[in-house]
Amino acid sequence: MMSRTVNATDTIAEILAERPDAARILIHRGMHCVGCAMTRFETLAEACAIYGISTDELLADLNRRKGSRRGGSKRPR
């Protein structure tokens, strides 16, 4: 279970530390900041502005998937 909602003022490093699954979401959206040295200083909103991505849409995606590993195949019982 994840502790809190991701917001636009969180740094990329904070998000990745708390939410390792966020790397996949960022990369899927074409954001290559996952391995960048600036992640300690750059907020999600700043990164979105650089990549031309909607902060609101990315936040919705990150928070919708918060703590969820569902979506794969379900095993019958």
PDB file of N, CA and C in Angstrom:
ATOM      1  N   MET A   1       0.838  -1.176   0.000  1.00  0.00           N
ATOM      2  CA  MET A   1       0.000   0.000   0.000  1.00  0.00           C
ATOM      3  C   MET A   1       0.884   1.241   0.000  1.00  0.00           C
ATOM      4  N   MET A   2       0.582   2.210  -0.861  1.00  0.00           N
ATOM      5  CA  MET A   2       1.348   3.434  -0.961  1.00  0.00           C
ATOM      6  C   MET A   2       0.869   4.415   0.091  1.00  0.00           C
ATOM      7  N   SER A   3       1.776   5.251   0.547  1.00  0.00           N
ATOM      8  CA  SER A   3       1.470   6.117   1.674  1.00  0.00           C
ATOM      9  C   SER A   3       0.712   7.389   1.309  1.00  0.00           C
ATOM     10  N   ARG A   4       0.961   7.960   0.152  1.00  0.00           N
ATOM     11  CA  ARG A   4       0.329   9.238  -0.144  1.00  0.00           C
ATOM     12  C   ARG A   4       0.162   9.447  -1.640  1.00  0.00           C
ATOM     13  N   THR A   5      -0.570  10.483  -1.961  1.00  0.00           N
ATOM     14  CA  THR A   5      -0.820  10.844  -3.347  1.00  0.00           C
ATOM     15  C   THR A   5       0.366  11.636  -3.892  1.00  0.00           C
ATOM     16  N   VAL A   6       0.749  11.345  -5.115  1.00  0.00           N
ATOM     17  CA  VAL A   6       1.803  12.093  -5.798  1.00  0.00           C
ATOM     18  C   VAL A   6       1.240  13.452  -6.171  1.00  0.00           C
ATOM     19  N   ASN A   7       2.047  14.518  -6.022  1.00  0.00           N
ATOM     20  CA  ASN A   7       1.591  15.837  -6.458  1.00  0.00           C
ATOM     21  C   ASN A   7       2.654  16.512  -7.310  1.00  0.00           C
ATOM     22  N   ALA A   8       2.294  17.603  -7.937  1.00  0.00           N
ATOM     23  CA  ALA A   8       3.134  18.278  -8.918  1.00  0.00           C
ATOM     24  C   ALA A   8       4.408  18.867  -8.328  1.00  0.00           C
ATOM     25  N   THR A   9       4.428  19.124  -7.035  1.00  0.00           N
ATOM     26  CA  THR A   9       5.619  19.728  -6.423  1.00  0.00           C
ATOM     27  C   THR A   9       6.614  18.697  -5.905  1.00  0.00           C
ATOM     28  N   ASP A  10       6.286  17.408  -6.006  1.00  0.00           N
ATOM     29  CA  ASP A  10       7.234  16.361  -5.644  1.00  0.00           C
ATOM     30  C   ASP A  10       8.355  16.328  -6.674  1.00  0.00           C
ATOM     31  N   THR A  11       9.574  16.082  -6.207  1.00  0.00           N
ATOM     32  CA  THR A  11      10.657  15.913  -7.174  1.00  0.00           C
ATOM     33  C   THR A  11      10.531  14.533  -7.810  1.00  0.00           C
ATOM     34  N   ILE A  12      11.133  14.395  -8.971  1.00  0.00           N
ATOM     35  CA  ILE A  12      11.124  13.105  -9.654  1.00  0.00           C
ATOM     36  C   ILE A  12      11.794  12.056  -8.767  1.00  0.00           C
ATOM     37  N   ALA A  13      12.878  12.429  -8.096  1.00  0.00           N
ATOM     38  CA  ALA A  13      13.581  11.490  -7.212  1.00  0.00           C
ATOM     39  C   ALA A  13      12.682  11.018  -6.071  1.00  0.00           C
ATOM     40  N   GLU A  14      11.918  11.919  -5.475  1.00  0.00           N
ATOM     41  CA  GLU A  14      10.999  11.538  -4.399  1.00  0.00           C
ATOM     42  C   GLU A  14       9.961  10.544  -4.905  1.00  0.00           C
ATOM     43  N   ILE A  15       9.424  10.843  -6.072  1.00  0.00           N
ATOM     44  CA  ILE A  15       8.394   9.966  -6.650  1.00  0.00           C
ATOM     45  C   ILE A  15       8.960   8.582  -6.922  1.00  0.00           C
ATOM     46  N   LEU A  16      10.146   8.535  -7.537  1.00  0.00           N
ATOM     47  CA  LEU A  16      10.745   7.235  -7.866  1.00  0.00           C
ATOM     48  C   LEU A  16      11.137   6.450  -6.620  1.00  0.00           C
ATOM     49  N   ALA A  17      11.557   7.141  -5.568  1.00  0.00           N
ATOM     50  CA  ALA A  17      11.927   6.463  -4.330  1.00  0.00           C
ATOM     51  C   ALA A  17      10.706   5.835  -3.654  1.00  0.00           C
ATOM     52  N   GLU A  18       9.601   6.549  -3.701  1.00  0.00           N
ATOM     53  CA  GLU A  18       8.377   6.063  -3.053  1.00  0.00           C
ATOM     54  C   GLU A  18       7.574   5.133  -3.944  1.00  0.00           C
ATOM     55  N   ARG A  19       7.704   5.337  -5.247  1.00  0.00           N
ATOM     56  CA  ARG A  19       6.865   4.618  -6.208  1.00  0.00           C
ATOM     57  C   ARG A  19       7.715   4.066  -7.351  1.00  0.00           C
ATOM     58  N   PRO A  20       8.433   2.992  -7.149  1.00  0.00           N
ATOM     59  CA  PRO A  20       9.265   2.444  -8.223  1.00  0.00           C
ATOM     60  C   PRO A  20       8.491   2.184  -9.518  1.00  0.00           C
ATOM     61  N   ASP A  21       7.194   1.895  -9.418  1.00  0.00           N
ATOM     62  CA  ASP A  21       6.375   1.666 -10.612  1.00  0.00           C
ATOM     63  C   ASP A  21       6.213   2.930 -11.447  1.00  0.00           C
ATOM     64  N   ALA A  22       6.508   4.089 -10.877  1.00  0.00           N
ATOM     65  CA  ALA A  22       6.385   5.353 -11.601  1.00  0.00           C
ATOM     66  C   ALA A  22       7.370   5.428 -12.761  1.00  0.00           C
ATOM     67  N   ALA A  23       8.505   4.746 -12.656  1.00  0.00           N
ATOM     68  CA  ALA A  23       9.492   4.758 -13.740  1.00  0.00           C
ATOM     69  C   ALA A  23       8.873   4.273 -15.041  1.00  0.00           C
ATOM     70  N   ARG A  24       8.115   3.194 -14.950  1.00  0.00           N
ATOM     71  CA  ARG A  24       7.467   2.644 -16.148  1.00  0.00           C
ATOM     72  C   ARG A  24       6.481   3.644 -16.748  1.00  0.00           C
ATOM     73  N   ILE A  25       5.745   4.325 -15.891  1.00  0.00           N
ATOM     74  CA  ILE A  25       4.752   5.296 -16.352  1.00  0.00           C
ATOM     75  C   ILE A  25       5.441   6.481 -17.021  1.00  0.00           C
ATOM     76  N   LEU A  26       6.514   6.982 -16.411  1.00  0.00           N
ATOM     77  CA  LEU A  26       7.238   8.113 -16.989  1.00  0.00           C
ATOM     78  C   LEU A  26       7.855   7.740 -18.340  1.00  0.00           C
ATOM     79  N   ILE A  27       8.486   6.589 -18.399  1.00  0.00           N
ATOM     80  CA  ILE A  27       9.109   6.145 -19.648  1.00  0.00           C
ATOM     81  C   ILE A  27       8.053   5.940 -20.735  1.00  0.00           C
ATOM     82  N   HIS A  28       6.926   5.375 -20.369  1.00  0.00           N
ATOM     83  CA  HIS A  28       5.834   5.168 -21.328  1.00  0.00           C
ATOM     84  C   HIS A  28       5.392   6.493 -21.948  1.00  0.00           C
ATOM     85  N   ARG A  29       5.465   7.562 -21.184  1.00  0.00           N
ATOM     86  CA  ARG A  29       5.071   8.888 -21.678  1.00  0.00           C
ATOM     87  C   ARG A  29       6.218   9.619 -22.366  1.00  0.00           C
ATOM     88  N   GLY A  30       7.364   8.952 -22.534  1.00  0.00           N
ATOM     89  CA  GLY A  30       8.496   9.550 -23.238  1.00  0.00           C
ATOM     90  C   GLY A  30       9.360  10.443 -22.374  1.00  0.00           C
ATOM     91  N   MET A  31       9.212  10.338 -21.068  1.00  0.00           N
ATOM     92  CA  MET A  31      10.011  11.147 -20.147  1.00  0.00           C
ATOM     93  C   MET A  31      11.244  10.336 -19.748  1.00  0.00           C
ATOM     94  N   HIS A  32      12.402  10.785 -20.185  1.00  0.00           N
ATOM     95  CA  HIS A  32      13.638  10.054 -19.934  1.00  0.00           C
ATOM     96  C   HIS A  32      14.352  10.570 -18.693  1.00  0.00           C
ATOM     97  N   CYS A  33      13.609  11.213 -17.824  1.00  0.00           N
ATOM     98  CA  CYS A  33      14.195  11.787 -16.617  1.00  0.00           C
ATOM     99  C   CYS A  33      14.457  10.735 -15.550  1.00  0.00           C
ATOM    100  N   VAL A  34      14.079   9.517 -15.791  1.00  0.00           N
ATOM    101  CA  VAL A  34      14.245   8.444 -14.808  1.00  0.00           C
ATOM    102  C   VAL A  34      15.716   8.287 -14.422  1.00  0.00           C
ATOM    103  N   GLY A  35      16.620   8.388 -15.366  1.00  0.00           N
ATOM    104  CA  GLY A  35      18.040   8.220 -15.087  1.00  0.00           C
ATOM    105  C   GLY A  35      18.823   9.517 -15.050  1.00  0.00           C
ATOM    106  N   CYS A  36      18.145  10.634 -15.049  1.00  0.00           N
ATOM    107  CA  CYS A  36      18.799  11.938 -15.113  1.00  0.00           C
ATOM    108  C   CYS A  36      19.278  12.393 -13.732  1.00  0.00           C
ATOM    109  N   ALA A  37      20.409  13.060 -13.700  1.00  0.00           N
ATOM    110  CA  ALA A  37      20.961  13.582 -12.440  1.00  0.00           C
ATOM    111  C   ALA A  37      20.107  14.707 -11.852  1.00  0.00           C
ATOM    112  N   MET A  38      19.271  15.319 -12.643  1.00  0.00           N
ATOM    113  CA  MET A  38      18.444  16.447 -12.173  1.00  0.00           C
ATOM    114  C   MET A  38      17.218  15.992 -11.397  1.00  0.00           C
ATOM    115  N   THR A  39      16.971  14.692 -11.318  1.00  0.00           N
ATOM    116  CA  THR A  39      15.768  14.212 -10.641  1.00  0.00           C
ATOM    117  C   THR A  39      15.695  14.647  -9.183  1.00  0.00           C
ATOM    118  N   ARG A  40      16.832  14.903  -8.569  1.00  0.00           N
ATOM    119  CA  ARG A  40      16.838  15.345  -7.163  1.00  0.00           C
ATOM    120  C   ARG A  40      16.291  16.759  -7.012  1.00  0.00           C
ATOM    121  N   PHE A  41      16.340  17.533  -8.089  1.00  0.00           N
ATOM    122  CA  PHE A  41      15.971  18.947  -8.015  1.00  0.00           C
ATOM    123  C   PHE A  41      14.721  19.306  -8.797  1.00  0.00           C
ATOM    124  N   GLU A  42      14.407  18.530  -9.813  1.00  0.00           N
ATOM    125  CA  GLU A  42      13.317  18.855 -10.738  1.00  0.00           C
ATOM    126  C   GLU A  42      11.985  18.295 -10.232  1.00  0.00           C
ATOM    127  N   THR A  43      10.983  19.163 -10.171  1.00  0.00           N
ATOM    128  CA  THR A  43       9.658  18.706  -9.752  1.00  0.00           C
ATOM    129  C   THR A  43       8.953  18.035 -10.926  1.00  0.00           C
ATOM    130  N   LEU A  44       7.902  17.323 -10.604  1.00  0.00           N
ATOM    131  CA  LEU A  44       7.109  16.687 -11.647  1.00  0.00           C
ATOM    132  C   LEU A  44       6.555  17.740 -12.604  1.00  0.00           C
ATOM    133  N   ALA A  45       6.078  18.857 -12.067  1.00  0.00           N
ATOM    134  CA  ALA A  45       5.536  19.929 -12.912  1.00  0.00           C
ATOM    135  C   ALA A  45       6.603  20.482 -13.851  1.00  0.00           C
ATOM    136  N   GLU A  46       7.825  20.659 -13.352  1.00  0.00           N
ATOM    137  CA  GLU A  46       8.911  21.171 -14.200  1.00  0.00           C
ATOM    138  C   GLU A  46       9.261  20.177 -15.304  1.00  0.00           C
ATOM    139  N   ALA A  47       9.324  18.901 -14.952  1.00  0.00           N
ATOM    140  CA  ALA A  47       9.630  17.884 -15.954  1.00  0.00           C
ATOM    141  C   ALA A  47       8.538  17.818 -17.019  1.00  0.00           C
ATOM    142  N   CYS A  48       7.288  17.916 -16.598  1.00  0.00           N
ATOM    143  CA  CYS A  48       6.179  17.909 -17.553  1.00  0.00           C
ATOM    144  C   CYS A  48       6.284  19.097 -18.513  1.00  0.00           C
ATOM    145  N   ALA A  49       6.643  20.255 -17.990  1.00  0.00           N
ATOM    146  CA  ALA A  49       6.796  21.442 -18.842  1.00  0.00           C
ATOM    147  C   ALA A  49       7.910  21.231 -19.863  1.00  0.00           C
ATOM    148  N   ILE A  50       9.007  20.640 -19.439  1.00  0.00           N
ATOM    149  CA  ILE A  50      10.136  20.385 -20.343  1.00  0.00           C
ATOM    150  C   ILE A  50       9.743  19.412 -21.447  1.00  0.00           C
ATOM    151  N   TYR A  51       9.001  18.371 -21.100  1.00  0.00           N
ATOM    152  CA  TYR A  51       8.619  17.354 -22.074  1.00  0.00           C
ATOM    153  C   TYR A  51       7.311  17.660 -22.798  1.00  0.00           C
ATOM    154  N   GLY A  52       6.636  18.753 -22.424  1.00  0.00           N
ATOM    155  CA  GLY A  52       5.385  19.108 -23.085  1.00  0.00           C
ATOM    156  C   GLY A  52       4.254  18.152 -22.771  1.00  0.00           C
ATOM    157  N   ILE A  53       4.227  17.666 -21.545  1.00  0.00           N
ATOM    158  CA  ILE A  53       3.223  16.694 -21.106  1.00  0.00           C
ATOM    159  C   ILE A  53       2.298  17.370 -20.099  1.00  0.00           C
ATOM    160  N   SER A  54       1.039  17.046 -20.136  1.00  0.00           N
ATOM    161  CA  SER A  54       0.074  17.598 -19.200  1.00  0.00           C
ATOM    162  C   SER A  54       0.353  17.076 -17.788  1.00  0.00           C
ATOM    163  N   THR A  55       0.616  17.982 -16.865  1.00  0.00           N
ATOM    164  CA  THR A  55       0.851  17.604 -15.475  1.00  0.00           C
ATOM    165  C   THR A  55      -0.375  16.936 -14.892  1.00  0.00           C
ATOM    166  N   ASP A  56      -1.539  17.490 -15.170  1.00  0.00           N
ATOM    167  CA  ASP A  56      -2.780  16.919 -14.630  1.00  0.00           C
ATOM    168  C   ASP A  56      -3.010  15.492 -15.119  1.00  0.00           C
ATOM    169  N   GLU A  57      -2.766  15.241 -16.405  1.00  0.00           N
ATOM    170  CA  GLU A  57      -2.964  13.894 -16.945  1.00  0.00           C
ATOM    171  C   GLU A  57      -1.966  12.906 -16.350  1.00  0.00           C
ATOM    172  N   LEU A  58      -0.707  13.338 -16.198  1.00  0.00           N
ATOM    173  CA  LEU A  58       0.297  12.451 -15.633  1.00  0.00           C
ATOM    174  C   LEU A  58       0.001  12.165 -14.164  1.00  0.00           C
ATOM    175  N   LEU A  59      -0.401  13.188 -13.428  1.00  0.00           N
ATOM    176  CA  LEU A  59      -0.769  12.979 -12.027  1.00  0.00           C
ATOM    177  C   LEU A  59      -1.933  12.001 -11.908  1.00  0.00           C
ATOM    178  N   ALA A  60      -2.913  12.142 -12.782  1.00  0.00           N
ATOM    179  CA  ALA A  60      -4.058  11.229 -12.758  1.00  0.00           C
ATOM    180  C   ALA A  60      -3.593   9.802 -13.015  1.00  0.00           C
ATOM    181  N   ASP A  61      -2.681   9.626 -13.962  1.00  0.00           N
ATOM    182  CA  ASP A  61      -2.175   8.290 -14.274  1.00  0.00           C
ATOM    183  C   ASP A  61      -1.371   7.724 -13.101  1.00  0.00           C
ATOM    184  N   LEU A  62      -0.488   8.516 -12.536  1.00  0.00           N
ATOM    185  CA  LEU A  62       0.320   8.058 -11.404  1.00  0.00           C
ATOM    186  C   LEU A  62      -0.544   7.702 -10.199  1.00  0.00           C
ATOM    187  N   ASN A  63      -1.515   8.520  -9.923  1.00  0.00           N
ATOM    188  CA  ASN A  63      -2.345   8.299  -8.733  1.00  0.00           C
ATOM    189  C   ASN A  63      -3.428   7.249  -8.953  1.00  0.00           C
ATOM    190  N   ARG A  64      -3.834   7.048 -10.184  1.00  0.00           N
ATOM    191  CA  ARG A  64      -4.806   5.991 -10.484  1.00  0.00           C
ATOM    192  C   ARG A  64      -4.167   4.630 -10.242  1.00  0.00           C
ATOM    193  N   ARG A  65      -2.913   4.508 -10.563  1.00  0.00           N
ATOM    194  CA  ARG A  65      -2.216   3.230 -10.424  1.00  0.00           C
ATOM    195  C   ARG A  65      -1.570   3.085  -9.061  1.00  0.00           C
ATOM    196  N   LYS A  66      -1.770   4.061  -8.207  1.00  0.00           N
ATOM    197  CA  LYS A  66      -1.142   4.077  -6.888  1.00  0.00           C
ATOM    198  C   LYS A  66      -1.377   2.782  -6.123  1.00  0.00           C
ATOM    199  N   GLY A  67      -0.292   2.078  -5.847  1.00  0.00           N
ATOM    200  CA  GLY A  67      -0.368   0.877  -5.040  1.00  0.00           C
ATOM    201  C   GLY A  67      -1.000  -0.318  -5.719  1.00  0.00           C
ATOM    202  N   SER A  68      -1.324  -0.182  -6.984  1.00  0.00           N
ATOM    203  CA  SER A  68      -2.036  -1.260  -7.668  1.00  0.00           C
ATOM    204  C   SER A  68      -1.093  -2.078  -8.527  1.00  0.00           C
ATOM    205  N   ARG A  69      -1.190  -3.354  -8.411  1.00  0.00           N
ATOM    206  CA  ARG A  69      -0.461  -4.260  -9.310  1.00  0.00           C
ATOM    207  C   ARG A  69      -1.483  -5.062 -10.105  1.00  0.00           C
ATOM    208  N   ARG A  70      -2.719  -4.636 -10.070  1.00  0.00           N
ATOM    209  CA  ARG A  70      -3.775  -5.343 -10.789  1.00  0.00           C
ATOM    210  C   ARG A  70      -3.667  -5.071 -12.274  1.00  0.00           C
ATOM    211  N   GLY A  71      -4.416  -5.814 -13.019  1.00  0.00           N
ATOM    212  CA  GLY A  71      -4.446  -5.592 -14.459  1.00  0.00           C
ATOM    213  C   GLY A  71      -3.854  -6.771 -15.215  1.00  0.00           C
ATOM    214  N   GLY A  72      -3.122  -7.625 -14.533  1.00  0.00           N
ATOM    215  CA  GLY A  72      -2.579  -8.807 -15.167  1.00  0.00           C
ATOM    216  C   GLY A  72      -3.622  -9.896 -15.212  1.00  0.00           C
ATOM    217  N   SER A  73      -3.176 -11.056 -15.564  1.00  0.00           N
ATOM    218  CA  SER A  73      -4.133 -12.174 -15.616  1.00  0.00           C
ATOM    219  C   SER A  73      -4.501 -12.607 -14.205  1.00  0.00           C
ATOM    220  N   LYS A  74      -5.721 -13.006 -14.061  1.00  0.00           N
ATOM    221  CA  LYS A  74      -6.199 -13.472 -12.765  1.00  0.00           C
ATOM    222  C   LYS A  74      -6.171 -14.978 -12.746  1.00  0.00           C
ATOM    223  N   ARG A  75      -5.748 -15.513 -11.633  1.00  0.00           N
ATOM    224  CA  ARG A  75      -5.738 -16.973 -11.503  1.00  0.00           C
ATOM    225  C   ARG A  75      -7.120 -17.455 -11.040  1.00  0.00           C
ATOM    226  N   PRO A  76      -7.632 -18.452 -11.689  1.00  0.00           N
ATOM    227  CA  PRO A  76      -8.919 -18.997 -11.223  1.00  0.00           C
ATOM    228  C   PRO A  76      -8.731 -19.717  -9.903  1.00  0.00           C
ATOM    229  N   ARG A  77      -9.738 -19.659  -9.087  1.00  0.00           N
ATOM    230  CA  ARG A  77      -9.697 -20.361  -7.790  1.00  0.00           C
ATOM    231  C   ARG A  77     -10.632 -21.524  -7.813  1.00  0.00           C
TER     232      ARG A  77
END
